[in-house]
Structures are given as C-alpha cells and as structure tokens.
Amino acid sequence: MRIMWFRVRVALRARCGDAGMSTSEYAMGTIAACAFAAVLYKVVTSDVVATALQSTIGKALDVPF
C-alpha cells in the first residue's frame, strides 16, 4: 500500500511540472501592471474625470438636510 501511494505522489509531481512563474513571466507581469497604472493615472487626472468628480462632490455637499 505504501509503495502505491509513493508512486501516485511521484506521478502527480511529474505531471505538475513547474508550478511557479519564471523570471520572464514576472517581468512581463510587472511591465503590464505598470502600463495599466500609467493609463489609469492618465484617466483619473484628466479634465473630464476631475470635472465629474467635482460636480458629484458638489452635489453631495449641497443636499439639504
């Protein structure tokens, strides 16, 4: 019985292969995250979004109680 479980574990390890990311995959993920952050920063700091945020906050503050 022990030998059978040992063989099953060895077979499963062989099928899994490399479960983690390699250095190049980390580099591509980092570049993609930085690009997304740059685009998001440009959108959030644009005049259209700033105006929309100001009007939303202004409407929220002008609500009568």
C-alpha atoms as a PDB file:
ATOM      1  CA  MET A   1       0.000   0.000   0.000  1.00  0.00           C
ATOM      2  CA  ARG A   2       2.832   2.440   0.845  1.00  0.00           C
ATOM      3  CA  ILE A   3       4.503   1.765  -2.473  1.00  0.00           C
ATOM      4  CA  MET A   4       1.286   2.511  -4.347  1.00  0.00           C
ATOM      5  CA  TRP A   5       0.872   5.912  -2.606  1.00  0.00           C
ATOM      6  CA  PHE A   6       4.519   6.706  -3.240  1.00  0.00           C
ATOM      7  CA  ARG A   7       4.063   6.007  -6.957  1.00  0.00           C
ATOM      8  CA  VAL A   8       0.927   8.159  -7.056  1.00  0.00           C
ATOM      9  CA  ARG A   9       2.750  11.089  -5.428  1.00  0.00           C
ATOM     10  CA  VAL A  10       5.704  10.759  -7.814  1.00  0.00           C
ATOM     11  CA  ALA A  11       3.367  10.621 -10.818  1.00  0.00           C
ATOM     12  CA  LEU A  12       1.474  13.716  -9.654  1.00  0.00           C
ATOM     13  CA  ARG A  13       4.691  15.664  -9.135  1.00  0.00           C
ATOM     14  CA  ALA A  14       5.853  14.740 -12.621  1.00  0.00           C
ATOM     15  CA  ARG A  15       2.570  15.964 -14.125  1.00  0.00           C
ATOM     16  CA  CYS A  16       2.632  19.312 -12.300  1.00  0.00           C
ATOM     17  CA  GLY A  17       5.947  20.396 -13.726  1.00  0.00           C
ATOM     18  CA  ASP A  18       6.988  23.938 -12.886  1.00  0.00           C
ATOM     19  CA  ALA A  19       4.097  25.389 -10.920  1.00  0.00           C
ATOM     20  CA  GLY A  20       5.565  28.883 -10.425  1.00  0.00           C
ATOM     21  CA  MET A  21       6.257  31.750 -12.775  1.00  0.00           C
ATOM     22  CA  SER A  22       9.663  32.199 -14.290  1.00  0.00           C
ATOM     23  CA  THR A  23      11.641  35.425 -14.194  1.00  0.00           C
ATOM     24  CA  SER A  24      10.475  36.489 -17.655  1.00  0.00           C
ATOM     25  CA  GLU A  25       6.843  35.990 -16.648  1.00  0.00           C
ATOM     26  CA  TYR A  26       7.378  38.161 -13.567  1.00  0.00           C
ATOM     27  CA  ALA A  27       8.987  40.820 -15.764  1.00  0.00           C
ATOM     28  CA  MET A  28       6.078  40.800 -18.229  1.00  0.00           C
ATOM     29  CA  GLY A  29       3.569  40.939 -15.378  1.00  0.00           C
ATOM     30  CA  THR A  30       5.392  43.892 -13.839  1.00  0.00           C
ATOM     31  CA  ILE A  31       5.504  45.747 -17.162  1.00  0.00           C
ATOM     32  CA  ALA A  32       1.800  45.104 -17.736  1.00  0.00           C
ATOM     33  CA  ALA A  33       0.930  46.323 -14.235  1.00  0.00           C
ATOM     34  CA  CYS A  34       2.982  49.494 -14.717  1.00  0.00           C
ATOM     35  CA  ALA A  35       1.354  50.171 -18.083  1.00  0.00           C
ATOM     36  CA  PHE A  36      -2.096  49.705 -16.588  1.00  0.00           C
ATOM     37  CA  ALA A  37      -1.209  52.029 -13.701  1.00  0.00           C
ATOM     38  CA  ALA A  38       0.011  54.695 -16.134  1.00  0.00           C
ATOM     39  CA  VAL A  39      -3.196  54.523 -18.181  1.00  0.00           C
ATOM     40  CA  LEU A  40      -5.327  54.616 -15.043  1.00  0.00           C
ATOM     41  CA  TYR A  41      -3.376  57.634 -13.743  1.00  0.00           C
ATOM     42  CA  LYS A  42      -3.916  59.499 -17.017  1.00  0.00           C
ATOM     43  CA  VAL A  43      -7.642  58.751 -16.951  1.00  0.00           C
ATOM     44  CA  VAL A  44      -8.100  59.774 -13.318  1.00  0.00           C
ATOM     45  CA  THR A  45      -6.130  63.001 -13.707  1.00  0.00           C
ATOM     46  CA  SER A  46      -7.862  64.027 -16.944  1.00  0.00           C
ATOM     47  CA  ASP A  47     -10.030  67.151 -17.005  1.00  0.00           C
ATOM     48  CA  VAL A  48     -13.209  65.212 -17.757  1.00  0.00           C
ATOM     49  CA  VAL A  49     -12.875  62.939 -14.734  1.00  0.00           C
ATOM     50  CA  ALA A  50     -11.804  65.802 -12.461  1.00  0.00           C
ATOM     51  CA  THR A  51     -14.854  67.828 -13.527  1.00  0.00           C
ATOM     52  CA  ALA A  52     -17.163  64.855 -12.992  1.00  0.00           C
ATOM     53  CA  LEU A  53     -15.739  64.224  -9.525  1.00  0.00           C
ATOM     54  CA  GLN A  54     -16.047  67.884  -8.575  1.00  0.00           C
ATOM     55  CA  SER A  55     -19.660  68.038  -9.713  1.00  0.00           C
ATOM     56  CA  THR A  56     -20.521  64.824  -7.870  1.00  0.00           C
ATOM     57  CA  ILE A  57     -18.918  66.042  -4.664  1.00  0.00           C
ATOM     58  CA  GLY A  58     -20.554  69.448  -5.087  1.00  0.00           C
ATOM     59  CA  LYS A  59     -23.993  67.869  -5.494  1.00  0.00           C
ATOM     60  CA  ALA A  60     -23.413  65.678  -2.451  1.00  0.00           C
ATOM     61  CA  LEU A  61     -22.431  68.668  -0.313  1.00  0.00           C
ATOM     62  CA  ASP A  62     -25.367  70.816  -1.478  1.00  0.00           C
ATOM     63  CA  VAL A  63     -28.006  68.322  -0.359  1.00  0.00           C
ATOM     64  CA  PRO A  64     -30.418  69.980   2.102  1.00  0.00           C
ATOM     65  CA  PHE A  65     -30.872  68.248   5.433  1.00  0.00           C
END
